[in-house]
Amino acid sequence: ARMRSVADFQAAVPLRDYDDYAPWIE
C-alpha cells in the first residue's frame, strides 16, 4: 500500500526462489 515506484518494490521484495514462496503456496 505504501509503494509508489519500482524502487520501492525492489527494496521491499528481494529476489527469491521457489522455496521462499513454498510456505505461502502451502
PDB file of all heavy atoms in Angstrom:
ATOM      1  N   ALA A   1       0.819  -1.216   0.000  1.00  0.00           N
ATOM      2  CA  ALA A   1       0.000   0.000   0.000  1.00  0.00           C
ATOM      3  C   ALA A   1       0.850   1.263   0.000  1.00  0.00           C
ATOM      4  O   ALA A   1       0.386   2.334  -0.416  1.00  0.00           O
ATOM      5  CB  ALA A   1      -0.936  -0.005   1.212  1.00  0.00           C
ATOM      6  N   ARG A   2       2.095   1.168   0.441  1.00  0.00           N
ATOM      7  CA  ARG A   2       2.966   2.347   0.515  1.00  0.00           C
ATOM      8  C   ARG A   2       3.854   2.511  -0.720  1.00  0.00           C
ATOM      9  O   ARG A   2       4.590   3.495  -0.834  1.00  0.00           O
ATOM     10  CB  ARG A   2       3.862   2.254   1.761  1.00  0.00           C
ATOM     11  CG  ARG A   2       3.093   2.195   3.075  1.00  0.00           C
ATOM     12  CD  ARG A   2       4.039   2.280   4.259  1.00  0.00           C
ATOM     13  NE  ARG A   2       4.986   1.175   4.295  1.00  0.00           N
ATOM     14  CZ  ARG A   2       4.731  -0.015   4.861  1.00  0.00           C
ATOM     15  NH1 ARG A   2       3.549  -0.227   5.439  1.00  0.00           N
ATOM     16  NH2 ARG A   2       5.639  -0.970   4.859  1.00  0.00           N
ATOM     17  N   MET A   3       3.808   1.570  -1.629  1.00  0.00           N
ATOM     18  CA  MET A   3       4.722   1.605  -2.778  1.00  0.00           C
ATOM     19  C   MET A   3       4.247   2.584  -3.841  1.00  0.00           C
ATOM     20  O   MET A   3       3.077   2.593  -4.217  1.00  0.00           O
ATOM     21  CB  MET A   3       4.859   0.202  -3.378  1.00  0.00           C
ATOM     22  CG  MET A   3       5.562  -0.787  -2.464  1.00  0.00           C
ATOM     23  SD  MET A   3       5.705  -2.432  -3.210  1.00  0.00           S
ATOM     24  CE  MET A   3       6.437  -3.351  -1.859  1.00  0.00           C
ATOM     25  N   ARG A   4       5.191   3.388  -4.333  1.00  0.00           N
ATOM     26  CA  ARG A   4       4.878   4.371  -5.367  1.00  0.00           C
ATOM     27  C   ARG A   4       5.820   4.267  -6.566  1.00  0.00           C
ATOM     28  O   ARG A   4       5.671   5.026  -7.530  1.00  0.00           O
ATOM     29  CB  ARG A   4       4.961   5.785  -4.790  1.00  0.00           C
ATOM     30  CG  ARG A   4       3.970   6.062  -3.665  1.00  0.00           C
ATOM     31  CD  ARG A   4       2.532   6.028  -4.169  1.00  0.00           C
ATOM     32  NE  ARG A   4       1.579   6.333  -3.110  1.00  0.00           N
ATOM     33  CZ  ARG A   4       1.007   5.415  -2.339  1.00  0.00           C
ATOM     34  NH1 ARG A   4       1.296   4.131  -2.514  1.00  0.00           N
ATOM     35  NH2 ARG A   4       0.146   5.772  -1.401  1.00  0.00           N
ATOM     36  N   SER A   5       6.792   3.341  -6.501  1.00  0.00           N
ATOM     37  CA  SER A   5       7.770   3.254  -7.583  1.00  0.00           C
ATOM     38  C   SER A   5       8.322   1.837  -7.683  1.00  0.00           C
ATOM     39  O   SER A   5       8.142   1.012  -6.781  1.00  0.00           O
ATOM     40  CB  SER A   5       8.924   4.230  -7.337  1.00  0.00           C
ATOM     41  OG  SER A   5       9.674   3.831  -6.195  1.00  0.00           O
ATOM     42  N   VAL A   6       9.024   1.592  -8.776  1.00  0.00           N
ATOM     43  CA  VAL A   6       9.693   0.299  -8.947  1.00  0.00           C
ATOM     44  C   VAL A   6      10.755   0.123  -7.864  1.00  0.00           C
ATOM     45  O   VAL A   6      10.935  -0.969  -7.320  1.00  0.00           O
ATOM     46  CB  VAL A   6      10.326   0.204 -10.350  1.00  0.00           C
ATOM     47  CG1 VAL A   6      11.150  -1.069 -10.481  1.00  0.00           C
ATOM     48  CG2 VAL A   6       9.254   0.257 -11.427  1.00  0.00           C
ATOM     49  N   ALA A   7      11.445   1.197  -7.518  1.00  0.00           N
ATOM     50  CA  ALA A   7      12.481   1.121  -6.485  1.00  0.00           C
ATOM     51  C   ALA A   7      11.889   0.715  -5.139  1.00  0.00           C
ATOM     52  O   ALA A   7      12.511  -0.044  -4.377  1.00  0.00           O
ATOM     53  CB  ALA A   7      13.194   2.463  -6.371  1.00  0.00           C
ATOM     54  N   ASP A   8      10.685   1.209  -4.827  1.00  0.00           N
ATOM     55  CA  ASP A   8      10.021   0.808  -3.583  1.00  0.00           C
ATOM     56  C   ASP A   8       9.798  -0.696  -3.561  1.00  0.00           C
ATOM     57  O   ASP A   8      10.021  -1.360  -2.538  1.00  0.00           O
ATOM     58  CB  ASP A   8       8.677   1.523  -3.440  1.00  0.00           C
ATOM     59  CG  ASP A   8       8.823   3.012  -3.174  1.00  0.00           C
ATOM     60  OD1 ASP A   8       9.931   3.433  -2.782  1.00  0.00           O
ATOM     61  OD2 ASP A   8       7.830   3.742  -3.364  1.00  0.00           O
ATOM     62  N   PHE A   9       9.338  -1.238  -4.695  1.00  0.00           N
ATOM     63  CA  PHE A   9       9.081  -2.675  -4.773  1.00  0.00           C
ATOM     64  C   PHE A   9      10.380  -3.464  -4.639  1.00  0.00           C
ATOM     65  O   PHE A   9      10.447  -4.462  -3.913  1.00  0.00           O
ATOM     66  CB  PHE A   9       8.391  -3.006  -6.100  1.00  0.00           C
ATOM     67  CG  PHE A   9       8.087  -4.466  -6.281  1.00  0.00           C
ATOM     68  CD1 PHE A   9       6.944  -5.030  -5.738  1.00  0.00           C
ATOM     69  CD2 PHE A   9       8.955  -5.295  -6.996  1.00  0.00           C
ATOM     70  CE1 PHE A   9       6.658  -6.383  -5.893  1.00  0.00           C
ATOM     71  CE2 PHE A   9       8.682  -6.646  -7.156  1.00  0.00           C
ATOM     72  CZ  PHE A   9       7.531  -7.188  -6.601  1.00  0.00           C
ATOM     73  N   GLN A  10      11.424  -3.044  -5.334  1.00  0.00           N
ATOM     74  CA  GLN A  10      12.701  -3.738  -5.279  1.00  0.00           C
ATOM     75  C   GLN A  10      13.278  -3.760  -3.871  1.00  0.00           C
ATOM     76  O   GLN A  10      13.875  -4.761  -3.449  1.00  0.00           O
ATOM     77  CB  GLN A  10      13.692  -3.082  -6.252  1.00  0.00           C
ATOM     78  CG  GLN A  10      13.322  -3.268  -7.712  1.00  0.00           C
ATOM     79  CD  GLN A  10      14.183  -2.430  -8.643  1.00  0.00           C
ATOM     80  OE1 GLN A  10      14.633  -1.337  -8.268  1.00  0.00           O
ATOM     81  NE2 GLN A  10      14.415  -2.926  -9.855  1.00  0.00           N
ATOM     82  N   ALA A  11      13.088  -2.681  -3.136  1.00  0.00           N
ATOM     83  CA  ALA A  11      13.624  -2.603  -1.784  1.00  0.00           C
ATOM     84  C   ALA A  11      12.866  -3.504  -0.816  1.00  0.00           C
ATOM     85  O   ALA A  11      13.452  -4.059   0.132  1.00  0.00           O
ATOM     86  CB  ALA A  11      13.579  -1.159  -1.286  1.00  0.00           C
ATOM     87  N   ALA A  12      11.567  -3.665  -1.046  1.00  0.00           N
ATOM     88  CA  ALA A  12      10.734  -4.419  -0.106  1.00  0.00           C
ATOM     89  C   ALA A  12      10.612  -5.895  -0.451  1.00  0.00           C
ATOM     90  O   ALA A  12      10.358  -6.725   0.438  1.00  0.00           O
ATOM     91  CB  ALA A  12       9.337  -3.795  -0.043  1.00  0.00           C
ATOM     92  N   VAL A  13      10.795  -6.239  -1.725  1.00  0.00           N
ATOM     93  CA  VAL A  13      10.600  -7.622  -2.170  1.00  0.00           C
ATOM     94  C   VAL A  13      11.874  -8.096  -2.870  1.00  0.00           C
ATOM     95  O   VAL A  13      12.014  -7.935  -4.085  1.00  0.00           O
ATOM     96  CB  VAL A  13       9.386  -7.750  -3.115  1.00  0.00           C
ATOM     97  CG1 VAL A  13       9.111  -9.218  -3.435  1.00  0.00           C
ATOM     98  CG2 VAL A  13       8.150  -7.094  -2.502  1.00  0.00           C
ATOM     99  N   PRO A  14      12.813  -8.662  -2.135  1.00  0.00           N
ATOM    100  CA  PRO A  14      14.063  -9.128  -2.753  1.00  0.00           C
ATOM    101  C   PRO A  14      13.825 -10.335  -3.647  1.00  0.00           C
ATOM    102  O   PRO A  14      12.771 -10.992  -3.586  1.00  0.00           O
ATOM    103  CB  PRO A  14      14.934  -9.494  -1.549  1.00  0.00           C
ATOM    104  CG  PRO A  14      13.947  -9.837  -0.474  1.00  0.00           C
ATOM    105  CD  PRO A  14      12.776  -8.924  -0.687  1.00  0.00           C
ATOM    106  N   LEU A  15      14.812 -10.633  -4.483  1.00  0.00           N
ATOM    107  CA  LEU A  15      14.732 -11.825  -5.329  1.00  0.00           C
ATOM    108  C   LEU A  15      14.645 -13.069  -4.460  1.00  0.00           C
ATOM    109  O   LEU A  15      15.347 -13.196  -3.451  1.00  0.00           O
ATOM    110  CB  LEU A  15      15.959 -11.905  -6.241  1.00  0.00           C
ATOM    111  CG  LEU A  15      16.068 -10.833  -7.326  1.00  0.00           C
ATOM    112  CD1 LEU A  15      17.393 -10.983  -8.067  1.00  0.00           C
ATOM    113  CD2 LEU A  15      14.907 -10.924  -8.296  1.00  0.00           C
ATOM    114  N   ARG A  16      13.795 -14.002  -4.868  1.00  0.00           N
ATOM    115  CA  ARG A  16      13.579 -15.226  -4.103  1.00  0.00           C
ATOM    116  C   ARG A  16      13.504 -16.409  -5.058  1.00  0.00           C
ATOM    117  O   ARG A  16      13.271 -16.240  -6.261  1.00  0.00           O
ATOM    118  CB  ARG A  16      12.272 -15.150  -3.315  1.00  0.00           C
ATOM    119  CG  ARG A  16      12.239 -14.120  -2.181  1.00  0.00           C
ATOM    120  CD  ARG A  16      10.882 -14.168  -1.524  1.00  0.00           C
ATOM    121  NE  ARG A  16      10.862 -13.493  -0.236  1.00  0.00           N
ATOM    122  CZ  ARG A  16      10.335 -12.295  -0.032  1.00  0.00           C
ATOM    123  NH1 ARG A  16       9.813 -11.641  -1.063  1.00  0.00           N
ATOM    124  NH2 ARG A  16      10.314 -11.761   1.155  1.00  0.00           N
ATOM    125  N   ASP A  17      13.660 -17.608  -4.499  1.00  0.00           N
ATOM    126  CA  ASP A  17      13.428 -18.812  -5.288  1.00  0.00           C
ATOM    127  C   ASP A  17      12.132 -19.467  -4.820  1.00  0.00           C
ATOM    128  O   ASP A  17      11.438 -18.947  -3.927  1.00  0.00           O
ATOM    129  CB  ASP A  17      14.608 -19.777  -5.204  1.00  0.00           C
ATOM    130  CG  ASP A  17      14.912 -20.226  -3.771  1.00  0.00           C
ATOM    131  OD1 ASP A  17      14.006 -20.140  -2.910  1.00  0.00           O
ATOM    132  OD2 ASP A  17      16.048 -20.670  -3.514  1.00  0.00           O
ATOM    133  N   TYR A  18      11.802 -20.604  -5.418  1.00  0.00           N
ATOM    134  CA  TYR A  18      10.510 -21.231  -5.120  1.00  0.00           C
ATOM    135  C   TYR A  18      10.377 -21.604  -3.647  1.00  0.00           C
ATOM    136  O   TYR A  18       9.298 -21.463  -3.057  1.00  0.00           O
ATOM    137  CB  TYR A  18      10.308 -22.470  -5.989  1.00  0.00           C
ATOM    138  CG  TYR A  18       8.979 -23.157  -5.737  1.00  0.00           C
ATOM    139  CD1 TYR A  18       7.818 -22.708  -6.351  1.00  0.00           C
ATOM    140  CD2 TYR A  18       8.892 -24.235  -4.857  1.00  0.00           C
ATOM    141  CE1 TYR A  18       6.595 -23.318  -6.114  1.00  0.00           C
ATOM    142  CE2 TYR A  18       7.672 -24.850  -4.603  1.00  0.00           C
ATOM    143  CZ  TYR A  18       6.520 -24.384  -5.241  1.00  0.00           C
ATOM    144  OH  TYR A  18       5.321 -24.980  -4.981  1.00  0.00           O
ATOM    145  N   ASP A  19      11.456 -22.067  -3.043  1.00  0.00           N
ATOM    146  CA  ASP A  19      11.394 -22.495  -1.641  1.00  0.00           C
ATOM    147  C   ASP A  19      10.959 -21.354  -0.722  1.00  0.00           C
ATOM    148  O   ASP A  19      10.317 -21.586   0.310  1.00  0.00           O
ATOM    149  CB  ASP A  19      12.751 -23.037  -1.190  1.00  0.00           C
ATOM    150  CG  ASP A  19      13.086 -24.370  -1.836  1.00  0.00           C
ATOM    151  OD1 ASP A  19      12.142 -25.049  -2.283  1.00  0.00           O
ATOM    152  OD2 ASP A  19      14.273 -24.721  -1.900  1.00  0.00           O
ATOM    153  N   ASP A  20      11.307 -20.120  -1.088  1.00  0.00           N
ATOM    154  CA  ASP A  20      10.895 -18.977  -0.274  1.00  0.00           C
ATOM    155  C   ASP A  20       9.388 -18.753  -0.328  1.00  0.00           C
ATOM    156  O   ASP A  20       8.789 -18.227   0.620  1.00  0.00           O
ATOM    157  CB  ASP A  20      11.619 -17.710  -0.742  1.00  0.00           C
ATOM    158  CG  ASP A  20      13.123 -17.781  -0.534  1.00  0.00           C
ATOM    159  OD1 ASP A  20      13.545 -18.232   0.548  1.00  0.00           O
ATOM    160  OD2 ASP A  20      13.868 -17.417  -1.455  1.00  0.00           O
ATOM    161  N   TYR A  21       8.792 -19.133  -1.452  1.00  0.00           N
ATOM    162  CA  TYR A  21       7.349 -18.953  -1.606  1.00  0.00           C
ATOM    163  C   TYR A  21       6.552 -20.188  -1.182  1.00  0.00           C
ATOM    164  O   TYR A  21       5.324 -20.108  -1.068  1.00  0.00           O
ATOM    165  CB  TYR A  21       7.005 -18.605  -3.058  1.00  0.00           C
ATOM    166  CG  TYR A  21       7.419 -17.208  -3.449  1.00  0.00           C
ATOM    167  CD1 TYR A  21       8.585 -16.971  -4.165  1.00  0.00           C
ATOM    168  CD2 TYR A  21       6.630 -16.121  -3.107  1.00  0.00           C
ATOM    169  CE1 TYR A  21       8.963 -15.681  -4.515  1.00  0.00           C
ATOM    170  CE2 TYR A  21       6.993 -14.826  -3.452  1.00  0.00           C
ATOM    171  CZ  TYR A  21       8.164 -14.621  -4.162  1.00  0.00           C
ATOM    172  OH  TYR A  21       8.537 -13.339  -4.497  1.00  0.00           O
ATOM    173  N   ALA A  22       7.227 -21.305  -0.984  1.00  0.00           N
ATOM    174  CA  ALA A  22       6.530 -22.559  -0.676  1.00  0.00           C
ATOM    175  C   ALA A  22       5.584 -22.444   0.520  1.00  0.00           C
ATOM    176  O   ALA A  22       4.447 -22.945   0.460  1.00  0.00           O
ATOM    177  CB  ALA A  22       7.541 -23.685  -0.470  1.00  0.00           C
ATOM    178  N   PRO A  23       5.983 -21.799   1.641  1.00  0.00           N
ATOM    179  CA  PRO A  23       5.043 -21.702   2.769  1.00  0.00           C
ATOM    180  C   PRO A  23       3.773 -20.931   2.413  1.00  0.00           C
ATOM    181  O   PRO A  23       2.675 -21.269   2.889  1.00  0.00           O
ATOM    182  CB  PRO A  23       5.859 -20.955   3.839  1.00  0.00           C
ATOM    183  CG  PRO A  23       7.284 -21.215   3.495  1.00  0.00           C
ATOM    184  CD  PRO A  23       7.310 -21.261   1.996  1.00  0.00           C
ATOM    185  N   TRP A  24       3.903 -19.906   1.578  1.00  0.00           N
ATOM    186  CA  TRP A  24       2.723 -19.156   1.147  1.00  0.00           C
ATOM    187  C   TRP A  24       1.819 -20.035   0.280  1.00  0.00           C
ATOM    188  O   TRP A  24       0.584 -20.001   0.411  1.00  0.00           O
ATOM    189  CB  TRP A  24       3.140 -17.913   0.362  1.00  0.00           C
ATOM    190  CG  TRP A  24       4.007 -16.950   1.102  1.00  0.00           C
ATOM    191  CD1 TRP A  24       5.374 -16.975   1.184  1.00  0.00           C
ATOM    192  CD2 TRP A  24       3.597 -15.829   1.885  1.00  0.00           C
ATOM    193  NE1 TRP A  24       5.832 -15.938   1.949  1.00  0.00           N
ATOM    194  CE2 TRP A  24       4.767 -15.207   2.386  1.00  0.00           C
ATOM    195  CE3 TRP A  24       2.351 -15.263   2.175  1.00  0.00           C
ATOM    196  CZ2 TRP A  24       4.716 -14.070   3.185  1.00  0.00           C
ATOM    197  CZ3 TRP A  24       2.300 -14.115   2.964  1.00  0.00           C
ATOM    198  CH2 TRP A  24       3.473 -13.539   3.465  1.00  0.00           C
ATOM    199  N   ILE A  25       2.438 -20.807  -0.614  1.00  0.00           N
ATOM    200  CA  ILE A  25       1.665 -21.679  -1.505  1.00  0.00           C
ATOM    201  C   ILE A  25       0.996 -22.802  -0.718  1.00  0.00           C
ATOM    202  O   ILE A  25      -0.128 -23.225  -1.046  1.00  0.00           O
ATOM    203  CB  ILE A  25       2.577 -22.229  -2.617  1.00  0.00           C
ATOM    204  CG1 ILE A  25       3.069 -21.054  -3.489  1.00  0.00           C
ATOM    205  CG2 ILE A  25       1.847 -23.255  -3.476  1.00  0.00           C
ATOM    206  CD1 ILE A  25       4.097 -21.443  -4.528  1.00  0.00           C
ATOM    207  N   GLU A  26       1.639 -23.264   0.329  1.00  0.00           N
ATOM    208  CA  GLU A  26       1.014 -24.277   1.189  1.00  0.00           C
ATOM    209  C   GLU A  26      -0.242 -23.720   1.846  1.00  0.00           C
ATOM    210  O   GLU A  26      -1.244 -24.442   2.000  1.00  0.00           O
ATOM    211  CB  GLU A  26       2.013 -24.740   2.244  1.00  0.00           C
ATOM    212  CG  GLU A  26       3.145 -25.598   1.684  1.00  0.00           C
ATOM    213  CD  GLU A  26       4.202 -25.911   2.723  1.00  0.00           C
ATOM    214  OE1 GLU A  26       4.003 -25.510   3.904  1.00  0.00           O
ATOM    215  OE2 GLU A  26       5.209 -26.548   2.374  1.00  0.00           O
TER     216      GLU A  26
END
